[in-house]
Amino acid sequence: MKFFDDLRVGDRFEVGQFHFTAENIKSFATRFDPQPFHLDEAAAAKSHFGALCASGWQVAIVWMPLMVAFRKRLAEEMQARGETPAVTGPAPGIRDLKWLKPVYAGDMVIYATEITAMRTSASRPDWGLATLLTTGDNQKGERVISFDSISFVPRRV
């Protein structure tokens, strides 16, 4: 994890990718979103989606372990260069979550995060706040998900 002082508006990071299969779509849906178009190919074919598709919640949730793994890789790279990585700060939430296109069985979604705004915290001057736009694009380059979030990032003080 980089320090607030090392980040700039416009910095973009490819976080990772995930292959949505019929098996992982059905497994997630069975536990968390048991709707016919997430569970059964025949029922999905008759739905407005036309084919088996992932729950929007699965498409959103898949991003989190990819982000954790990305931050871990970044910290390991920094340590290998003799640098001290920053700790991960809390995130007070997300807004403007948009499911823009269905994610179908067989789709690969590539997740990326871009810094869109930065400011020093008024109440915690040793921390900054980074506003992030996270997106997911399928293998055709079509945007399937986006959301904004704010993360606390420690400053070099």
N, C-alpha and C. Protein backbone atom coordinates (compact mmCIF):
# COMPACT_ATOMS: atom_id res chain seq x y z
N MET A 1 0.84 -1.17 0.00
CA MET A 1 0.00 0.00 0.00
C MET A 1 0.89 1.24 0.00
N LYS A 2 0.59 2.15 -0.88
CA LYS A 2 1.35 3.40 -0.95
C LYS A 2 0.82 4.39 0.09
N PHE A 3 1.66 5.36 0.43
CA PHE A 3 1.23 6.44 1.30
C PHE A 3 0.46 7.48 0.49
N PHE A 4 -0.37 8.24 1.19
CA PHE A 4 -1.17 9.29 0.57
C PHE A 4 -0.30 10.22 -0.27
N ASP A 5 0.87 10.57 0.25
CA ASP A 5 1.76 11.51 -0.43
C ASP A 5 2.32 10.96 -1.74
N ASP A 6 2.25 9.64 -1.92
CA ASP A 6 2.79 9.01 -3.13
C ASP A 6 1.73 8.81 -4.21
N LEU A 7 0.49 9.16 -3.91
CA LEU A 7 -0.62 8.97 -4.84
C LEU A 7 -0.97 10.28 -5.52
N ARG A 8 -1.56 10.18 -6.69
CA ARG A 8 -1.99 11.35 -7.46
C ARG A 8 -3.36 11.07 -8.07
N VAL A 9 -4.15 12.14 -8.20
CA VAL A 9 -5.41 12.02 -8.94
C VAL A 9 -5.06 11.55 -10.35
N GLY A 10 -5.80 10.57 -10.82
CA GLY A 10 -5.54 9.99 -12.14
C GLY A 10 -4.78 8.68 -12.08
N ASP A 11 -4.13 8.39 -10.94
CA ASP A 11 -3.47 7.08 -10.81
C ASP A 11 -4.51 5.99 -10.99
N ARG A 12 -4.17 4.99 -11.79
CA ARG A 12 -5.09 3.89 -12.08
C ARG A 12 -4.37 2.58 -11.85
N PHE A 13 -5.06 1.65 -11.22
CA PHE A 13 -4.48 0.35 -10.88
C PHE A 13 -5.41 -0.75 -11.37
N GLU A 14 -4.86 -1.69 -12.15
CA GLU A 14 -5.63 -2.88 -12.48
C GLU A 14 -5.52 -3.80 -11.28
N VAL A 15 -6.63 -4.09 -10.67
CA VAL A 15 -6.66 -4.83 -9.41
C VAL A 15 -6.61 -6.34 -9.63
N GLY A 16 -7.29 -6.82 -10.64
CA GLY A 16 -7.33 -8.25 -10.91
C GLY A 16 -8.50 -8.59 -11.80
N GLN A 17 -8.63 -9.87 -12.08
CA GLN A 17 -9.72 -10.32 -12.94
C GLN A 17 -10.34 -11.59 -12.37
N PHE A 18 -11.58 -11.84 -12.79
CA PHE A 18 -12.31 -13.00 -12.29
C PHE A 18 -13.12 -13.60 -13.44
N HIS A 19 -13.03 -14.92 -13.56
CA HIS A 19 -13.78 -15.66 -14.58
C HIS A 19 -15.06 -16.17 -13.95
N PHE A 20 -16.19 -15.70 -14.44
CA PHE A 20 -17.50 -16.13 -13.94
C PHE A 20 -17.91 -17.39 -14.69
N THR A 21 -18.06 -18.47 -13.96
CA THR A 21 -18.47 -19.74 -14.55
C THR A 21 -19.88 -20.08 -14.09
N ALA A 22 -20.52 -20.99 -14.80
CA ALA A 22 -21.85 -21.43 -14.38
C ALA A 22 -21.79 -21.97 -12.96
N GLU A 23 -20.71 -22.67 -12.63
CA GLU A 23 -20.60 -23.28 -11.31
C GLU A 23 -20.49 -22.22 -10.21
N ASN A 24 -19.60 -21.22 -10.37
CA ASN A 24 -19.48 -20.24 -9.29
C ASN A 24 -20.68 -19.29 -9.24
N ILE A 25 -21.33 -19.05 -10.37
CA ILE A 25 -22.56 -18.24 -10.37
C ILE A 25 -23.65 -18.95 -9.58
N LYS A 26 -23.85 -20.22 -9.86
CA LYS A 26 -24.89 -20.99 -9.16
C LYS A 26 -24.57 -21.17 -7.68
N SER A 27 -23.31 -21.39 -7.37
CA SER A 27 -22.91 -21.55 -5.97
C SER A 27 -23.20 -20.29 -5.17
N PHE A 28 -22.82 -19.13 -5.71
CA PHE A 28 -23.09 -17.87 -5.03
C PHE A 28 -24.60 -17.65 -4.91
N ALA A 29 -25.31 -17.84 -5.99
CA ALA A 29 -26.75 -17.59 -6.00
C ALA A 29 -27.49 -18.51 -5.03
N THR A 30 -27.07 -19.76 -4.94
CA THR A 30 -27.72 -20.69 -4.01
C THR A 30 -27.66 -20.15 -2.59
N ARG A 31 -26.53 -19.57 -2.23
CA ARG A 31 -26.35 -19.07 -0.87
C ARG A 31 -26.89 -17.67 -0.65
N PHE A 32 -26.82 -16.79 -1.65
CA PHE A 32 -27.06 -15.38 -1.38
C PHE A 32 -28.11 -14.69 -2.26
N ASP A 33 -28.42 -15.22 -3.43
CA ASP A 33 -29.35 -14.55 -4.34
C ASP A 33 -30.08 -15.58 -5.20
N PRO A 34 -30.91 -16.41 -4.55
CA PRO A 34 -31.51 -17.57 -5.23
C PRO A 34 -32.66 -17.21 -6.18
N GLN A 35 -32.31 -16.52 -7.25
CA GLN A 35 -33.30 -16.21 -8.27
C GLN A 35 -33.07 -17.12 -9.48
N PRO A 36 -34.14 -17.49 -10.18
CA PRO A 36 -34.03 -18.49 -11.26
C PRO A 36 -32.98 -18.16 -12.32
N PHE A 37 -32.81 -16.89 -12.69
CA PHE A 37 -31.85 -16.55 -13.75
C PHE A 37 -30.40 -16.64 -13.30
N HIS A 38 -30.19 -16.88 -11.97
CA HIS A 38 -28.84 -17.12 -11.45
C HIS A 38 -28.60 -18.59 -11.16
N LEU A 39 -29.66 -19.40 -11.21
CA LEU A 39 -29.57 -20.79 -10.76
C LEU A 39 -29.77 -21.84 -11.84
N ASP A 40 -30.49 -21.50 -12.89
CA ASP A 40 -30.91 -22.52 -13.85
C ASP A 40 -30.85 -21.97 -15.27
N GLU A 41 -30.11 -22.65 -16.13
CA GLU A 41 -29.94 -22.19 -17.50
C GLU A 41 -31.26 -22.08 -18.25
N ALA A 42 -32.16 -23.07 -18.09
CA ALA A 42 -33.44 -23.05 -18.81
C ALA A 42 -34.30 -21.89 -18.34
N ALA A 43 -34.37 -21.68 -17.03
CA ALA A 43 -35.15 -20.56 -16.50
C ALA A 43 -34.52 -19.22 -16.93
N ALA A 44 -33.20 -19.16 -16.93
CA ALA A 44 -32.51 -17.93 -17.33
C ALA A 44 -32.78 -17.61 -18.80
N ALA A 45 -32.84 -18.66 -19.65
CA ALA A 45 -33.09 -18.45 -21.07
C ALA A 45 -34.45 -17.81 -21.31
N LYS A 46 -35.40 -18.07 -20.43
CA LYS A 46 -36.75 -17.51 -20.55
C LYS A 46 -36.88 -16.15 -19.87
N SER A 47 -35.85 -15.72 -19.16
CA SER A 47 -35.90 -14.45 -18.43
C SER A 47 -35.51 -13.29 -19.35
N HIS A 48 -35.61 -12.08 -18.83
CA HIS A 48 -35.19 -10.91 -19.60
C HIS A 48 -33.68 -10.88 -19.84
N PHE A 49 -32.90 -11.71 -19.12
CA PHE A 49 -31.45 -11.78 -19.35
C PHE A 49 -31.10 -12.69 -20.52
N GLY A 50 -31.92 -13.70 -20.77
CA GLY A 50 -31.72 -14.59 -21.90
C GLY A 50 -30.71 -15.69 -21.71
N ALA A 51 -29.97 -15.66 -20.61
CA ALA A 51 -28.97 -16.69 -20.33
C ALA A 51 -28.58 -16.58 -18.85
N LEU A 52 -27.94 -17.62 -18.35
CA LEU A 52 -27.49 -17.63 -16.96
C LEU A 52 -26.55 -16.46 -16.71
N CYS A 53 -26.84 -15.69 -15.68
CA CYS A 53 -25.99 -14.54 -15.37
C CYS A 53 -25.73 -14.46 -13.87
N ALA A 54 -24.65 -13.79 -13.54
CA ALA A 54 -24.22 -13.64 -12.15
C ALA A 54 -25.10 -12.63 -11.44
N SER A 55 -25.26 -12.85 -10.15
CA SER A 55 -25.88 -11.85 -9.29
C SER A 55 -25.01 -10.59 -9.31
N GLY A 56 -25.65 -9.44 -9.34
CA GLY A 56 -24.89 -8.20 -9.25
C GLY A 56 -24.08 -8.13 -7.98
N TRP A 57 -24.62 -8.73 -6.91
CA TRP A 57 -23.88 -8.74 -5.64
C TRP A 57 -22.61 -9.57 -5.76
N GLN A 58 -22.65 -10.65 -6.50
CA GLN A 58 -21.44 -11.44 -6.72
C GLN A 58 -20.42 -10.62 -7.50
N VAL A 59 -20.87 -9.91 -8.52
CA VAL A 59 -19.97 -9.10 -9.35
C VAL A 59 -19.29 -8.03 -8.48
N ALA A 60 -20.03 -7.48 -7.52
CA ALA A 60 -19.46 -6.47 -6.62
C ALA A 60 -18.51 -7.11 -5.60
N ILE A 61 -18.93 -8.20 -5.00
CA ILE A 61 -18.17 -8.82 -3.91
C ILE A 61 -16.85 -9.43 -4.40
N VAL A 62 -16.83 -9.94 -5.60
CA VAL A 62 -15.61 -10.55 -6.15
C VAL A 62 -14.44 -9.57 -6.12
N TRP A 63 -14.74 -8.28 -6.23
CA TRP A 63 -13.70 -7.26 -6.25
C TRP A 63 -12.88 -7.24 -4.95
N MET A 64 -13.52 -7.47 -3.80
CA MET A 64 -12.83 -7.27 -2.52
C MET A 64 -11.61 -8.16 -2.34
N PRO A 65 -11.71 -9.49 -2.51
CA PRO A 65 -10.49 -10.29 -2.36
C PRO A 65 -9.43 -9.97 -3.41
N LEU A 66 -9.86 -9.52 -4.59
CA LEU A 66 -8.88 -9.10 -5.60
C LEU A 66 -8.13 -7.86 -5.12
N MET A 67 -8.84 -6.92 -4.49
CA MET A 67 -8.20 -5.71 -3.96
C MET A 67 -7.25 -6.05 -2.82
N VAL A 68 -7.66 -6.94 -1.94
CA VAL A 68 -6.78 -7.35 -0.83
C VAL A 68 -5.51 -7.99 -1.38
N ALA A 69 -5.65 -8.87 -2.35
CA ALA A 69 -4.48 -9.53 -2.96
C ALA A 69 -3.59 -8.50 -3.67
N PHE A 70 -4.21 -7.53 -4.36
CA PHE A 70 -3.44 -6.48 -5.03
C PHE A 70 -2.62 -5.69 -4.02
N ARG A 71 -3.25 -5.29 -2.92
CA ARG A 71 -2.53 -4.52 -1.89
C ARG A 71 -1.40 -5.34 -1.28
N LYS A 72 -1.63 -6.63 -1.10
CA LYS A 72 -0.59 -7.50 -0.55
C LYS A 72 0.60 -7.58 -1.51
N ARG A 73 0.33 -7.76 -2.81
CA ARG A 73 1.40 -7.80 -3.82
C ARG A 73 2.18 -6.49 -3.83
N LEU A 74 1.46 -5.37 -3.76
CA LEU A 74 2.10 -4.06 -3.76
C LEU A 74 3.00 -3.90 -2.54
N ALA A 75 2.52 -4.32 -1.37
CA ALA A 75 3.32 -4.24 -0.14
C ALA A 75 4.57 -5.11 -0.25
N GLU A 76 4.42 -6.32 -0.80
CA GLU A 76 5.57 -7.22 -0.96
C GLU A 76 6.60 -6.63 -1.92
N GLU A 77 6.14 -6.00 -3.00
CA GLU A 77 7.05 -5.37 -3.95
C GLU A 77 7.81 -4.22 -3.28
N MET A 78 7.10 -3.43 -2.48
CA MET A 78 7.74 -2.32 -1.78
C MET A 78 8.78 -2.84 -0.79
N GLN A 79 8.44 -3.88 -0.04
CA GLN A 79 9.37 -4.45 0.93
C GLN A 79 10.60 -5.02 0.23
N ALA A 80 10.41 -5.63 -0.93
CA ALA A 80 11.54 -6.17 -1.69
C ALA A 80 12.51 -5.07 -2.13
N ARG A 81 12.00 -3.86 -2.30
CA ARG A 81 12.86 -2.72 -2.66
C ARG A 81 13.39 -2.00 -1.42
N GLY A 82 13.07 -2.52 -0.23
CA GLY A 82 13.54 -1.91 1.00
C GLY A 82 12.66 -0.78 1.50
N GLU A 83 11.49 -0.63 0.92
CA GLU A 83 10.56 0.43 1.32
C GLU A 83 9.58 -0.11 2.36
N THR A 84 9.05 0.79 3.16
CA THR A 84 8.04 0.42 4.15
C THR A 84 6.66 0.74 3.58
N PRO A 85 5.82 -0.27 3.40
CA PRO A 85 4.47 0.01 2.89
C PRO A 85 3.59 0.65 3.97
N ALA A 86 2.62 1.41 3.52
CA ALA A 86 1.65 2.00 4.43
C ALA A 86 0.65 0.94 4.88
N VAL A 87 0.06 1.16 6.02
CA VAL A 87 -1.01 0.27 6.47
C VAL A 87 -2.27 0.60 5.68
N THR A 88 -3.17 -0.34 5.61
CA THR A 88 -4.45 -0.11 4.94
C THR A 88 -5.39 0.58 5.90
N GLY A 89 -5.98 1.66 5.47
CA GLY A 89 -6.92 2.40 6.31
C GLY A 89 -8.35 1.95 6.06
N PRO A 90 -9.25 2.40 6.91
CA PRO A 90 -10.66 2.03 6.75
C PRO A 90 -11.30 2.76 5.56
N ALA A 91 -12.38 2.21 5.10
CA ALA A 91 -13.16 2.83 4.03
C ALA A 91 -14.57 3.08 4.58
N PRO A 92 -14.97 4.34 4.63
CA PRO A 92 -16.27 4.65 5.22
C PRO A 92 -17.48 4.26 4.38
N GLY A 93 -17.27 3.75 3.19
CA GLY A 93 -18.41 3.28 2.41
C GLY A 93 -18.24 3.48 0.92
N ILE A 94 -19.29 3.07 0.21
CA ILE A 94 -19.34 3.24 -1.24
C ILE A 94 -20.61 4.00 -1.59
N ARG A 95 -20.61 4.54 -2.80
CA ARG A 95 -21.81 5.21 -3.30
C ARG A 95 -21.86 5.01 -4.82
N ASP A 96 -23.02 5.26 -5.36
CA ASP A 96 -23.22 5.18 -6.81
C ASP A 96 -22.86 3.82 -7.39
N LEU A 97 -23.22 2.75 -6.68
CA LEU A 97 -23.01 1.40 -7.22
C LEU A 97 -23.95 1.21 -8.40
N LYS A 98 -23.36 0.87 -9.55
CA LYS A 98 -24.15 0.69 -10.77
C LYS A 98 -23.79 -0.64 -11.42
N TRP A 99 -24.81 -1.44 -11.66
CA TRP A 99 -24.66 -2.65 -12.45
C TRP A 99 -25.09 -2.28 -13.86
N LEU A 100 -24.15 -2.16 -14.75
CA LEU A 100 -24.39 -1.56 -16.06
C LEU A 100 -24.77 -2.56 -17.14
N LYS A 101 -24.27 -3.77 -17.03
CA LYS A 101 -24.58 -4.84 -17.98
C LYS A 101 -24.55 -6.16 -17.23
N PRO A 102 -25.34 -7.13 -17.68
CA PRO A 102 -25.28 -8.44 -17.04
C PRO A 102 -23.90 -9.10 -17.26
N VAL A 103 -23.52 -9.90 -16.29
CA VAL A 103 -22.31 -10.71 -16.40
C VAL A 103 -22.78 -12.15 -16.57
N TYR A 104 -22.45 -12.73 -17.70
CA TYR A 104 -22.91 -14.07 -18.05
C TYR A 104 -21.86 -15.13 -17.74
N ALA A 105 -22.33 -16.36 -17.62
CA ALA A 105 -21.40 -17.48 -17.46
C ALA A 105 -20.43 -17.46 -18.63
N GLY A 106 -19.14 -17.53 -18.32
CA GLY A 106 -18.09 -17.47 -19.32
C GLY A 106 -17.42 -16.12 -19.41
N ASP A 107 -18.03 -15.08 -18.84
CA ASP A 107 -17.43 -13.75 -18.88
C ASP A 107 -16.22 -13.65 -17.94
N MET A 108 -15.25 -12.87 -18.38
CA MET A 108 -14.09 -12.51 -17.56
C MET A 108 -14.24 -11.02 -17.26
N VAL A 109 -14.22 -10.66 -15.98
CA VAL A 109 -14.33 -9.26 -15.61
C VAL A 109 -12.99 -8.80 -15.06
N ILE A 110 -12.50 -7.69 -15.60
CA ILE A 110 -11.24 -7.09 -15.18
C ILE A 110 -11.59 -5.85 -14.35
N TYR A 111 -11.11 -5.83 -13.11
CA TYR A 111 -11.42 -4.75 -12.17
C TYR A 111 -10.26 -3.78 -12.10
N ALA A 112 -10.59 -2.49 -12.07
CA ALA A 112 -9.57 -1.44 -11.96
C ALA A 112 -10.09 -0.36 -11.03
N THR A 113 -9.16 0.36 -10.43
CA THR A 113 -9.50 1.45 -9.52
C THR A 113 -8.69 2.68 -9.94
N GLU A 114 -9.36 3.82 -9.97
CA GLU A 114 -8.71 5.08 -10.33
C GLU A 114 -8.97 6.10 -9.24
N ILE A 115 -7.93 6.85 -8.88
CA ILE A 115 -8.08 7.91 -7.89
C ILE A 115 -8.69 9.13 -8.60
N THR A 116 -9.83 9.58 -8.09
CA THR A 116 -10.52 10.70 -8.72
C THR A 116 -10.45 11.99 -7.90
N ALA A 117 -10.13 11.88 -6.61
CA ALA A 117 -10.00 13.08 -5.77
C ALA A 117 -9.18 12.70 -4.54
N MET A 118 -8.52 13.71 -3.96
CA MET A 118 -7.73 13.50 -2.74
C MET A 118 -7.83 14.75 -1.87
N ARG A 119 -7.84 14.52 -0.56
CA ARG A 119 -7.79 15.65 0.37
C ARG A 119 -7.26 15.15 1.71
N THR A 120 -6.65 16.05 2.46
CA THR A 120 -6.19 15.72 3.80
C THR A 120 -7.40 15.69 4.73
N SER A 121 -7.42 14.75 5.65
CA SER A 121 -8.50 14.66 6.62
C SER A 121 -8.45 15.85 7.57
N ALA A 122 -9.57 16.51 7.77
CA ALA A 122 -9.62 17.66 8.69
C ALA A 122 -9.49 17.21 10.14
N SER A 123 -10.06 16.06 10.46
CA SER A 123 -10.04 15.58 11.85
C SER A 123 -8.82 14.73 12.17
N ARG A 124 -8.17 14.16 11.16
CA ARG A 124 -6.99 13.32 11.34
C ARG A 124 -5.93 13.75 10.33
N PRO A 125 -5.16 14.80 10.63
CA PRO A 125 -4.22 15.33 9.63
C PRO A 125 -3.11 14.35 9.24
N ASP A 126 -2.93 13.26 9.98
CA ASP A 126 -1.92 12.27 9.60
C ASP A 126 -2.49 11.26 8.59
N TRP A 127 -3.73 11.49 8.17
CA TRP A 127 -4.38 10.64 7.17
C TRP A 127 -4.92 11.51 6.05
N GLY A 128 -5.00 10.94 4.87
CA GLY A 128 -5.66 11.58 3.75
C GLY A 128 -6.87 10.75 3.34
N LEU A 129 -7.72 11.34 2.57
CA LEU A 129 -8.89 10.65 2.03
C LEU A 129 -8.76 10.61 0.51
N ALA A 130 -8.80 9.42 -0.03
CA ALA A 130 -8.73 9.24 -1.48
C ALA A 130 -10.10 8.78 -1.96
N THR A 131 -10.63 9.47 -2.95
CA THR A 131 -11.88 9.04 -3.59
C THR A 131 -11.50 8.19 -4.78
N LEU A 132 -12.11 7.02 -4.86
CA LEU A 132 -11.75 6.03 -5.87
C LEU A 132 -12.95 5.67 -6.73
N LEU A 133 -12.72 5.55 -8.01
CA LEU A 133 -13.72 5.00 -8.93
C LEU A 133 -13.26 3.60 -9.26
N THR A 134 -14.07 2.62 -8.89
CA THR A 134 -13.77 1.23 -9.21
C THR A 134 -14.69 0.80 -10.34
N THR A 135 -14.10 0.14 -11.33
CA THR A 135 -14.86 -0.33 -12.48
C THR A 135 -14.53 -1.79 -12.75
N GLY A 136 -15.45 -2.44 -13.44
CA GLY A 136 -15.22 -3.78 -13.95
C GLY A 136 -15.67 -3.83 -15.40
N ASP A 137 -14.78 -4.28 -16.26
CA ASP A 137 -15.08 -4.40 -17.68
C ASP A 137 -14.98 -5.86 -18.08
N ASN A 138 -15.91 -6.31 -18.95
CA ASN A 138 -15.85 -7.69 -19.40
C ASN A 138 -14.80 -7.85 -20.51
N GLN A 139 -14.65 -9.06 -20.99
CA GLN A 139 -13.63 -9.37 -21.99
C GLN A 139 -13.86 -8.64 -23.31
N LYS A 140 -15.04 -8.08 -23.52
CA LYS A 140 -15.33 -7.30 -24.73
C LYS A 140 -15.02 -5.82 -24.53
N GLY A 141 -14.57 -5.46 -23.31
CA GLY A 141 -14.30 -4.06 -23.01
C GLY A 141 -15.54 -3.29 -22.58
N GLU A 142 -16.63 -3.99 -22.32
CA GLU A 142 -17.87 -3.35 -21.90
C GLU A 142 -17.87 -3.20 -20.38
N ARG A 143 -18.19 -2.01 -19.93
CA ARG A 143 -18.27 -1.75 -18.48
C ARG A 143 -19.50 -2.46 -17.93
N VAL A 144 -19.29 -3.28 -16.88
CA VAL A 144 -20.39 -4.04 -16.29
C VAL A 144 -20.73 -3.55 -14.88
N ILE A 145 -19.80 -2.90 -14.21
CA ILE A 145 -20.04 -2.41 -12.85
C ILE A 145 -19.17 -1.19 -12.60
N SER A 146 -19.67 -0.28 -11.76
CA SER A 146 -18.85 0.83 -11.29
C SER A 146 -19.39 1.29 -9.94
N PHE A 147 -18.49 1.80 -9.13
CA PHE A 147 -18.88 2.41 -7.86
C PHE A 147 -17.78 3.33 -7.38
N ASP A 148 -18.17 4.30 -6.57
CA ASP A 148 -17.24 5.24 -5.95
C ASP A 148 -17.05 4.85 -4.49
N SER A 149 -15.86 5.03 -3.99
CA SER A 149 -15.60 4.80 -2.57
C SER A 149 -14.58 5.81 -2.08
N ILE A 150 -14.51 5.95 -0.79
CA ILE A 150 -13.52 6.81 -0.15
C ILE A 150 -12.71 5.94 0.80
N SER A 151 -11.40 6.08 0.76
CA SER A 151 -10.54 5.31 1.65
C SER A 151 -9.61 6.25 2.41
N PHE A 152 -9.42 5.94 3.69
CA PHE A 152 -8.40 6.63 4.47
C PHE A 152 -7.05 6.04 4.09
N VAL A 153 -6.08 6.92 3.85
CA VAL A 153 -4.74 6.50 3.48
C VAL A 153 -3.76 7.28 4.36
N PRO A 154 -2.84 6.56 5.04
CA PRO A 154 -1.91 7.28 5.93
C PRO A 154 -0.96 8.19 5.15
N ARG A 155 -0.63 9.32 5.78
CA ARG A 155 0.33 10.27 5.20
C ARG A 155 1.71 10.01 5.78
N ARG A 156 2.72 10.46 5.08
CA ARG A 156 4.10 10.40 5.58
C ARG A 156 4.32 11.63 6.46
N VAL A 157 4.12 11.49 7.75
CA VAL A 157 4.33 12.64 8.65
C VAL A 157 5.32 12.32 9.71
